[in-house]
């Protein structure tokens, strides 16, 4: 495996979602790519990617914006991780979060606690992201080898 980080900005495709809070993950990646002086290119894994370093001497990163809806982004994310040889603990999924105050960012390892009414949606999203089943039921990236979630509002 490599020391490269895969940073995935989740969102939904199409002009109706541009500038929408739901696409904050992709908006953050647009800003990072601009600061890196790079533009996104289409990758065969159904995603737009930028490869580079975060700052001088910083970590090597692949910024990726899947060209799919959030709840079915697992295929492109898994394909990119395999293509670049990136382990799950070096994958960061950046997405919106309505349960935290505006202008806030939170980092979590793997799956967080879910409210019962949201559990079914999490099950579907996690399954599509190619995450392994948890021993206690449901789907999640659990333990020290799980992916990281960066939630932004």
N, C-alpha and C. Protein backbone atom coordinates (compact mmCIF):
# COMPACT_ATOMS: atom_id res chain seq x y z
N UNK A 1 0.84 -1.19 0.00
CA UNK A 1 0.00 0.00 0.00
C UNK A 1 0.88 1.25 0.00
N UNK A 2 0.28 2.35 -0.32
CA UNK A 2 1.00 3.62 -0.50
C UNK A 2 0.67 4.60 0.62
N UNK A 3 1.47 5.64 0.74
CA UNK A 3 1.19 6.70 1.71
C UNK A 3 0.31 7.79 1.12
N UNK A 4 -0.20 7.57 -0.06
CA UNK A 4 -1.10 8.51 -0.71
C UNK A 4 -2.46 8.49 -0.02
N UNK A 5 -3.07 9.65 0.10
CA UNK A 5 -4.41 9.78 0.67
C UNK A 5 -5.41 10.00 -0.45
N UNK A 6 -6.56 9.34 -0.36
CA UNK A 6 -7.67 9.56 -1.29
C UNK A 6 -8.70 10.40 -0.56
N UNK A 7 -8.89 11.62 -1.02
CA UNK A 7 -9.88 12.51 -0.41
C UNK A 7 -11.04 12.63 -1.39
N UNK A 8 -12.19 12.16 -0.96
CA UNK A 8 -13.37 12.07 -1.82
C UNK A 8 -14.39 13.13 -1.40
N UNK A 9 -14.73 13.99 -2.32
CA UNK A 9 -15.77 15.00 -2.08
C UNK A 9 -17.09 14.47 -2.59
N UNK A 10 -17.99 14.14 -1.68
CA UNK A 10 -19.28 13.59 -2.09
C UNK A 10 -20.26 14.70 -2.44
N UNK A 11 -21.14 14.39 -3.36
CA UNK A 11 -22.16 15.33 -3.80
C UNK A 11 -23.03 14.64 -4.83
N UNK A 12 -23.86 15.40 -5.48
CA UNK A 12 -24.73 14.86 -6.52
C UNK A 12 -24.43 15.57 -7.83
N UNK A 13 -24.53 14.84 -8.95
CA UNK A 13 -24.23 15.44 -10.25
C UNK A 13 -25.38 16.31 -10.76
N UNK A 14 -25.05 17.16 -11.70
CA UNK A 14 -26.07 17.95 -12.38
C UNK A 14 -26.13 19.39 -11.94
N UNK A 15 -26.58 20.25 -12.84
CA UNK A 15 -26.62 21.69 -12.54
C UNK A 15 -27.58 22.05 -11.41
N UNK A 16 -28.61 21.24 -11.18
CA UNK A 16 -29.56 21.56 -10.11
C UNK A 16 -28.93 21.45 -8.73
N UNK A 17 -27.77 20.78 -8.61
CA UNK A 17 -27.11 20.64 -7.31
C UNK A 17 -25.91 21.58 -7.14
N UNK A 18 -25.50 22.27 -8.21
CA UNK A 18 -24.35 23.18 -8.10
C UNK A 18 -24.65 24.27 -7.08
N UNK A 19 -23.70 24.51 -6.19
CA UNK A 19 -23.87 25.53 -5.17
C UNK A 19 -24.77 25.11 -4.02
N UNK A 20 -25.32 23.91 -4.07
CA UNK A 20 -26.19 23.39 -3.04
C UNK A 20 -25.35 22.89 -1.87
N UNK A 21 -25.83 23.10 -0.67
CA UNK A 21 -25.11 22.65 0.53
C UNK A 21 -24.80 21.15 0.48
N UNK A 22 -25.64 20.40 -0.17
CA UNK A 22 -25.45 18.95 -0.27
C UNK A 22 -24.14 18.62 -1.01
N UNK A 23 -23.62 19.55 -1.80
CA UNK A 23 -22.39 19.34 -2.57
C UNK A 23 -21.18 19.99 -1.92
N UNK A 24 -21.25 20.26 -0.63
CA UNK A 24 -20.14 20.94 0.04
C UNK A 24 -18.83 20.14 -0.06
N UNK A 25 -18.90 18.83 -0.08
CA UNK A 25 -17.70 18.01 -0.22
C UNK A 25 -16.97 18.30 -1.52
N UNK A 26 -17.73 18.41 -2.59
CA UNK A 26 -17.13 18.72 -3.88
C UNK A 26 -16.65 20.17 -3.94
N UNK A 27 -17.35 21.07 -3.29
CA UNK A 27 -16.93 22.47 -3.28
C UNK A 27 -15.60 22.63 -2.54
N UNK A 28 -15.42 21.90 -1.44
CA UNK A 28 -14.15 21.96 -0.71
C UNK A 28 -13.02 21.45 -1.60
N UNK A 29 -13.27 20.37 -2.35
CA UNK A 29 -12.23 19.85 -3.24
C UNK A 29 -11.90 20.82 -4.36
N UNK A 30 -12.91 21.54 -4.86
CA UNK A 30 -12.64 22.56 -5.87
C UNK A 30 -11.66 23.60 -5.33
N UNK A 31 -11.84 24.00 -4.08
CA UNK A 31 -10.95 24.99 -3.45
C UNK A 31 -9.55 24.40 -3.25
N UNK A 32 -9.47 23.16 -2.78
CA UNK A 32 -8.15 22.53 -2.60
C UNK A 32 -7.41 22.40 -3.93
N UNK A 33 -8.13 22.00 -4.99
CA UNK A 33 -7.50 21.87 -6.30
C UNK A 33 -7.00 23.23 -6.79
N UNK A 34 -7.77 24.28 -6.57
CA UNK A 34 -7.35 25.62 -6.99
C UNK A 34 -6.09 26.03 -6.24
N UNK A 35 -6.02 25.72 -4.94
CA UNK A 35 -4.83 26.06 -4.15
C UNK A 35 -3.62 25.24 -4.58
N UNK A 36 -3.86 24.03 -5.11
CA UNK A 36 -2.78 23.20 -5.61
C UNK A 36 -2.38 23.62 -7.02
N UNK A 37 -3.19 24.49 -7.65
CA UNK A 37 -2.91 24.93 -9.01
C UNK A 37 -3.21 23.88 -10.05
N UNK A 38 -4.18 23.01 -9.76
CA UNK A 38 -4.50 21.90 -10.66
C UNK A 38 -5.98 21.91 -11.02
N UNK A 39 -6.28 21.30 -12.17
CA UNK A 39 -7.66 21.13 -12.59
C UNK A 39 -8.04 19.66 -12.60
N UNK A 40 -9.31 19.38 -12.45
CA UNK A 40 -9.79 18.00 -12.43
C UNK A 40 -9.76 17.40 -13.83
N UNK A 41 -9.45 16.10 -13.87
CA UNK A 41 -9.47 15.34 -15.11
C UNK A 41 -10.36 14.12 -14.91
N UNK A 42 -11.01 13.70 -15.97
CA UNK A 42 -11.88 12.54 -15.87
C UNK A 42 -11.05 11.26 -15.78
N UNK A 43 -11.39 10.41 -14.81
CA UNK A 43 -10.72 9.13 -14.59
C UNK A 43 -11.66 8.01 -15.03
N UNK A 44 -11.09 6.90 -15.44
CA UNK A 44 -11.90 5.76 -15.90
C UNK A 44 -12.79 5.18 -14.81
N UNK A 45 -12.54 5.54 -13.55
CA UNK A 45 -13.33 5.02 -12.43
C UNK A 45 -14.61 5.84 -12.21
N UNK A 46 -15.05 6.57 -13.21
CA UNK A 46 -16.26 7.40 -13.13
C UNK A 46 -16.13 8.47 -12.05
N UNK A 47 -15.01 9.17 -12.10
CA UNK A 47 -14.77 10.25 -11.15
C UNK A 47 -13.87 11.29 -11.81
N UNK A 48 -13.90 12.49 -11.28
CA UNK A 48 -12.96 13.53 -11.68
C UNK A 48 -11.88 13.55 -10.61
N UNK A 49 -10.61 13.59 -11.03
CA UNK A 49 -9.51 13.51 -10.06
C UNK A 49 -8.46 14.59 -10.30
N UNK A 50 -7.77 14.92 -9.22
CA UNK A 50 -6.57 15.76 -9.24
C UNK A 50 -5.55 15.03 -8.38
N UNK A 51 -4.33 14.91 -8.90
CA UNK A 51 -3.25 14.30 -8.13
C UNK A 51 -2.23 15.38 -7.80
N UNK A 52 -1.69 15.33 -6.59
CA UNK A 52 -0.68 16.30 -6.21
C UNK A 52 -0.33 16.21 -4.74
N UNK A 53 0.22 17.29 -4.24
CA UNK A 53 0.60 17.38 -2.83
C UNK A 53 -0.12 18.55 -2.19
N UNK A 54 -0.47 18.37 -0.92
CA UNK A 54 -1.07 19.47 -0.16
C UNK A 54 0.07 20.28 0.45
N UNK A 55 0.45 21.33 -0.20
CA UNK A 55 1.53 22.18 0.29
C UNK A 55 2.89 21.61 -0.06
N UNK A 56 3.92 22.41 0.12
CA UNK A 56 5.29 21.99 -0.16
C UNK A 56 5.69 20.94 0.86
N UNK A 57 6.08 19.78 0.36
CA UNK A 57 6.48 18.69 1.24
C UNK A 57 5.31 18.01 1.94
N UNK A 58 4.10 18.40 1.60
CA UNK A 58 2.91 17.82 2.22
C UNK A 58 2.62 16.43 1.68
N UNK A 59 1.58 15.80 2.21
CA UNK A 59 1.25 14.44 1.78
C UNK A 59 0.76 14.41 0.34
N UNK A 60 1.06 13.30 -0.34
CA UNK A 60 0.56 13.09 -1.69
C UNK A 60 -0.93 12.75 -1.57
N UNK A 61 -1.76 13.39 -2.40
CA UNK A 61 -3.19 13.18 -2.33
C UNK A 61 -3.77 12.97 -3.72
N UNK A 62 -4.88 12.27 -3.74
CA UNK A 62 -5.74 12.18 -4.91
C UNK A 62 -7.06 12.77 -4.46
N UNK A 63 -7.44 13.90 -5.05
CA UNK A 63 -8.74 14.50 -4.78
C UNK A 63 -9.70 13.91 -5.79
N UNK A 64 -10.84 13.42 -5.34
CA UNK A 64 -11.77 12.76 -6.25
C UNK A 64 -13.21 13.21 -6.03
N UNK A 65 -13.88 13.48 -7.15
CA UNK A 65 -15.30 13.80 -7.13
C UNK A 65 -16.01 12.75 -7.97
N UNK A 66 -16.65 11.76 -7.29
CA UNK A 66 -17.38 10.74 -8.06
C UNK A 66 -18.46 11.40 -8.93
N UNK A 67 -18.62 10.88 -10.14
CA UNK A 67 -19.65 11.39 -11.04
C UNK A 67 -20.92 10.55 -10.89
N UNK A 68 -21.34 10.39 -9.64
CA UNK A 68 -22.52 9.60 -9.31
C UNK A 68 -23.20 10.25 -8.12
N UNK A 69 -24.42 9.82 -7.85
CA UNK A 69 -25.11 10.31 -6.66
C UNK A 69 -24.40 9.78 -5.41
N UNK A 70 -24.52 10.52 -4.32
CA UNK A 70 -23.82 10.18 -3.08
C UNK A 70 -24.06 8.73 -2.65
N UNK A 71 -25.31 8.29 -2.70
CA UNK A 71 -25.64 6.97 -2.16
C UNK A 71 -25.16 5.81 -3.03
N UNK A 72 -24.59 6.10 -4.20
CA UNK A 72 -24.02 5.04 -5.03
C UNK A 72 -22.58 5.38 -5.42
N UNK A 73 -21.91 6.12 -4.57
CA UNK A 73 -20.54 6.56 -4.85
C UNK A 73 -19.50 5.49 -4.53
N UNK A 74 -19.91 4.41 -3.92
CA UNK A 74 -18.96 3.38 -3.51
C UNK A 74 -18.19 2.74 -4.64
N UNK A 75 -18.83 2.54 -5.79
CA UNK A 75 -18.14 1.94 -6.93
C UNK A 75 -16.94 2.76 -7.37
N UNK A 76 -17.15 4.05 -7.67
CA UNK A 76 -16.01 4.88 -8.05
C UNK A 76 -14.95 5.00 -6.95
N UNK A 77 -15.37 5.12 -5.70
CA UNK A 77 -14.41 5.26 -4.60
C UNK A 77 -13.57 4.00 -4.47
N UNK A 78 -14.21 2.85 -4.50
CA UNK A 78 -13.50 1.57 -4.41
C UNK A 78 -12.54 1.39 -5.59
N UNK A 79 -13.00 1.72 -6.80
CA UNK A 79 -12.16 1.59 -7.99
C UNK A 79 -10.93 2.49 -7.89
N UNK A 80 -11.10 3.72 -7.40
CA UNK A 80 -9.97 4.64 -7.25
C UNK A 80 -8.98 4.13 -6.19
N UNK A 81 -9.50 3.66 -5.07
CA UNK A 81 -8.63 3.14 -4.02
C UNK A 81 -7.81 1.96 -4.55
N UNK A 82 -8.44 1.08 -5.31
CA UNK A 82 -7.72 -0.06 -5.89
C UNK A 82 -6.71 0.41 -6.93
N UNK A 83 -7.09 1.34 -7.79
CA UNK A 83 -6.21 1.83 -8.85
C UNK A 83 -4.94 2.45 -8.27
N UNK A 84 -5.09 3.27 -7.23
CA UNK A 84 -3.95 3.95 -6.63
C UNK A 84 -3.29 3.16 -5.50
N UNK A 85 -3.85 2.00 -5.12
CA UNK A 85 -3.28 1.18 -4.05
C UNK A 85 -3.42 1.84 -2.69
N UNK A 86 -4.58 2.44 -2.43
CA UNK A 86 -4.80 3.18 -1.19
C UNK A 86 -5.64 2.33 -0.23
N UNK A 87 -5.13 2.17 1.00
CA UNK A 87 -5.82 1.39 2.03
C UNK A 87 -7.00 2.19 2.59
N UNK A 88 -8.00 1.50 3.16
CA UNK A 88 -9.17 2.19 3.71
C UNK A 88 -8.82 3.26 4.76
N UNK A 89 -7.75 3.05 5.52
CA UNK A 89 -7.42 4.05 6.55
C UNK A 89 -6.79 5.31 5.96
N UNK A 90 -6.60 5.34 4.64
CA UNK A 90 -6.10 6.53 3.95
C UNK A 90 -7.17 7.11 3.02
N UNK A 91 -8.43 6.76 3.26
CA UNK A 91 -9.55 7.30 2.49
C UNK A 91 -10.32 8.25 3.40
N UNK A 92 -10.55 9.46 2.90
CA UNK A 92 -11.33 10.46 3.63
C UNK A 92 -12.54 10.80 2.77
N UNK A 93 -13.74 10.59 3.31
CA UNK A 93 -14.97 10.95 2.62
C UNK A 93 -15.46 12.28 3.20
N UNK A 94 -15.53 13.29 2.36
CA UNK A 94 -15.94 14.63 2.77
C UNK A 94 -17.37 14.86 2.30
N UNK A 95 -18.26 15.13 3.25
CA UNK A 95 -19.68 15.29 2.89
C UNK A 95 -20.36 16.30 3.79
N UNK A 96 -21.57 16.69 3.40
CA UNK A 96 -22.34 17.65 4.18
C UNK A 96 -22.94 16.98 5.40
N UNK A 97 -23.30 17.80 6.38
CA UNK A 97 -23.92 17.29 7.61
C UNK A 97 -24.84 18.36 8.16
N UNK A 98 -26.12 18.05 8.26
CA UNK A 98 -27.07 19.03 8.78
C UNK A 98 -27.16 19.02 10.30
N UNK A 99 -26.58 18.00 10.93
CA UNK A 99 -26.68 17.86 12.38
C UNK A 99 -25.58 18.58 13.15
N UNK A 100 -24.75 19.36 12.45
CA UNK A 100 -23.72 20.15 13.14
C UNK A 100 -23.92 21.61 12.76
N UNK A 101 -23.49 22.53 13.61
CA UNK A 101 -23.71 23.96 13.33
C UNK A 101 -23.03 24.40 12.03
N UNK A 102 -23.63 25.40 11.39
CA UNK A 102 -23.07 25.95 10.16
C UNK A 102 -21.65 26.44 10.41
N UNK A 103 -20.79 26.30 9.41
CA UNK A 103 -19.40 26.75 9.46
C UNK A 103 -18.56 25.88 10.41
N UNK A 104 -18.91 24.59 10.49
CA UNK A 104 -18.23 23.65 11.37
C UNK A 104 -17.73 22.47 10.55
N UNK A 105 -16.59 21.91 10.94
CA UNK A 105 -16.04 20.71 10.31
C UNK A 105 -15.73 19.72 11.42
N UNK A 106 -16.09 18.44 11.21
CA UNK A 106 -15.80 17.39 12.20
C UNK A 106 -15.21 16.19 11.48
N UNK A 107 -14.20 15.59 12.10
CA UNK A 107 -13.54 14.41 11.56
C UNK A 107 -13.90 13.21 12.42
N UNK A 108 -14.29 12.10 11.77
CA UNK A 108 -14.61 10.86 12.48
C UNK A 108 -13.95 9.69 11.78
N UNK A 109 -13.62 8.68 12.55
CA UNK A 109 -13.09 7.44 11.99
C UNK A 109 -14.24 6.47 11.83
N UNK A 110 -14.44 5.98 10.60
CA UNK A 110 -15.48 5.00 10.34
C UNK A 110 -16.88 5.56 10.53
N UNK A 111 -17.76 4.71 10.97
CA UNK A 111 -19.17 5.05 11.09
C UNK A 111 -19.46 5.68 12.44
N UNK A 112 -20.30 6.70 12.44
CA UNK A 112 -20.73 7.32 13.69
C UNK A 112 -22.04 6.71 14.15
N UNK A 113 -22.51 7.16 15.32
CA UNK A 113 -23.81 6.68 15.80
C UNK A 113 -24.89 7.27 14.92
N UNK A 114 -25.90 6.48 14.62
CA UNK A 114 -26.98 6.93 13.75
C UNK A 114 -28.30 6.89 14.51
N UNK A 115 -29.15 7.82 14.19
CA UNK A 115 -30.50 7.77 14.75
C UNK A 115 -31.27 6.67 14.04
N UNK A 116 -32.21 6.01 14.75
CA UNK A 116 -32.93 4.89 14.13
C UNK A 116 -33.59 5.24 12.80
N UNK A 117 -34.17 6.44 12.69
CA UNK A 117 -34.86 6.78 11.45
C UNK A 117 -33.90 6.95 10.28
N UNK A 118 -32.58 7.08 10.55
CA UNK A 118 -31.61 7.25 9.48
C UNK A 118 -30.85 5.95 9.21
N UNK A 119 -31.05 4.94 10.01
CA UNK A 119 -30.25 3.72 9.88
C UNK A 119 -30.43 3.06 8.52
N UNK A 120 -31.64 3.02 8.00
CA UNK A 120 -31.86 2.37 6.71
C UNK A 120 -31.10 3.08 5.60
N UNK A 121 -31.11 4.40 5.62
CA UNK A 121 -30.37 5.17 4.61
C UNK A 121 -28.89 4.94 4.73
N UNK A 122 -28.39 4.86 5.96
CA UNK A 122 -26.95 4.61 6.14
C UNK A 122 -26.60 3.23 5.62
N UNK A 123 -27.47 2.26 5.88
CA UNK A 123 -27.20 0.90 5.41
C UNK A 123 -27.02 0.89 3.90
N UNK A 124 -27.93 1.54 3.17
CA UNK A 124 -27.85 1.55 1.72
C UNK A 124 -26.59 2.29 1.25
N UNK A 125 -26.32 3.47 1.82
CA UNK A 125 -25.16 4.25 1.40
C UNK A 125 -23.86 3.53 1.69
N UNK A 126 -23.74 2.94 2.87
CA UNK A 126 -22.51 2.24 3.23
C UNK A 126 -22.31 1.00 2.35
N UNK A 127 -23.40 0.31 2.06
CA UNK A 127 -23.30 -0.88 1.21
C UNK A 127 -22.79 -0.49 -0.17
N UNK A 128 -23.31 0.61 -0.72
CA UNK A 128 -22.88 1.05 -2.04
C UNK A 128 -21.45 1.58 -2.02
N UNK A 129 -20.95 2.01 -0.87
CA UNK A 129 -19.58 2.48 -0.79
C UNK A 129 -18.60 1.33 -0.63
N UNK A 130 -19.09 0.09 -0.67
CA UNK A 130 -18.22 -1.07 -0.61
C UNK A 130 -17.65 -1.35 0.77
N UNK A 131 -18.34 -0.88 1.80
CA UNK A 131 -17.84 -1.09 3.16
C UNK A 131 -18.21 -2.48 3.65
N UNK A 132 -17.37 -3.09 4.48
CA UNK A 132 -17.61 -4.46 4.94
C UNK A 132 -18.75 -4.52 5.95
N UNK A 133 -19.42 -5.68 6.04
CA UNK A 133 -20.47 -5.83 7.05
C UNK A 133 -19.86 -5.84 8.44
N UNK A 134 -20.57 -5.24 9.38
CA UNK A 134 -20.15 -5.25 10.77
C UNK A 134 -20.61 -6.54 11.43
N UNK A 135 -19.83 -7.11 12.35
CA UNK A 135 -20.25 -8.35 13.01
C UNK A 135 -21.61 -8.22 13.69
N UNK A 136 -21.93 -7.06 14.25
CA UNK A 136 -23.20 -6.88 14.94
C UNK A 136 -24.36 -6.56 14.02
N UNK A 137 -24.16 -6.57 12.72
CA UNK A 137 -25.21 -6.26 11.77
C UNK A 137 -24.98 -4.89 11.14
N UNK A 138 -25.64 -4.63 10.03
CA UNK A 138 -25.46 -3.37 9.32
C UNK A 138 -24.13 -3.35 8.59
N UNK A 139 -23.87 -2.25 7.92
CA UNK A 139 -22.64 -2.09 7.15
C UNK A 139 -21.88 -0.91 7.70
N UNK A 140 -20.58 -1.08 7.92
CA UNK A 140 -19.78 0.03 8.43
C UNK A 140 -18.31 -0.26 8.25
N UNK A 141 -17.52 0.79 8.25
CA UNK A 141 -16.07 0.63 8.32
C UNK A 141 -15.73 0.77 9.79
N UNK A 142 -15.48 -0.33 10.44
CA UNK A 142 -15.26 -0.32 11.88
C UNK A 142 -13.81 -0.61 12.20
N UNK A 143 -13.36 -0.13 13.33
CA UNK A 143 -12.02 -0.44 13.79
C UNK A 143 -10.97 0.50 13.24
N UNK A 144 -9.69 0.24 13.58
CA UNK A 144 -8.61 1.14 13.23
C UNK A 144 -8.33 1.21 11.74
N UNK A 145 -8.83 0.24 10.94
CA UNK A 145 -8.55 0.27 9.50
C UNK A 145 -9.69 0.91 8.72
N UNK A 146 -10.66 1.53 9.40
CA UNK A 146 -11.79 2.14 8.73
C UNK A 146 -11.45 3.45 8.06
N UNK A 147 -12.31 3.86 7.12
CA UNK A 147 -12.11 5.14 6.45
C UNK A 147 -12.46 6.28 7.39
N UNK A 148 -12.08 7.48 7.03
CA UNK A 148 -12.37 8.67 7.82
C UNK A 148 -13.48 9.46 7.15
N UNK A 149 -14.32 10.08 7.96
CA UNK A 149 -15.39 10.93 7.43
C UNK A 149 -15.13 12.35 7.92
N UNK A 150 -15.10 13.27 6.99
CA UNK A 150 -14.97 14.69 7.33
C UNK A 150 -16.30 15.32 7.00
N UNK A 151 -17.03 15.71 8.04
CA UNK A 151 -18.36 16.28 7.88
C UNK A 151 -18.27 17.79 7.95
N UNK A 152 -18.92 18.46 7.03
CA UNK A 152 -18.86 19.93 6.99
C UNK A 152 -20.27 20.50 6.90
N UNK A 153 -20.43 21.67 7.51
CA UNK A 153 -21.71 22.38 7.43
C UNK A 153 -21.42 23.83 7.08
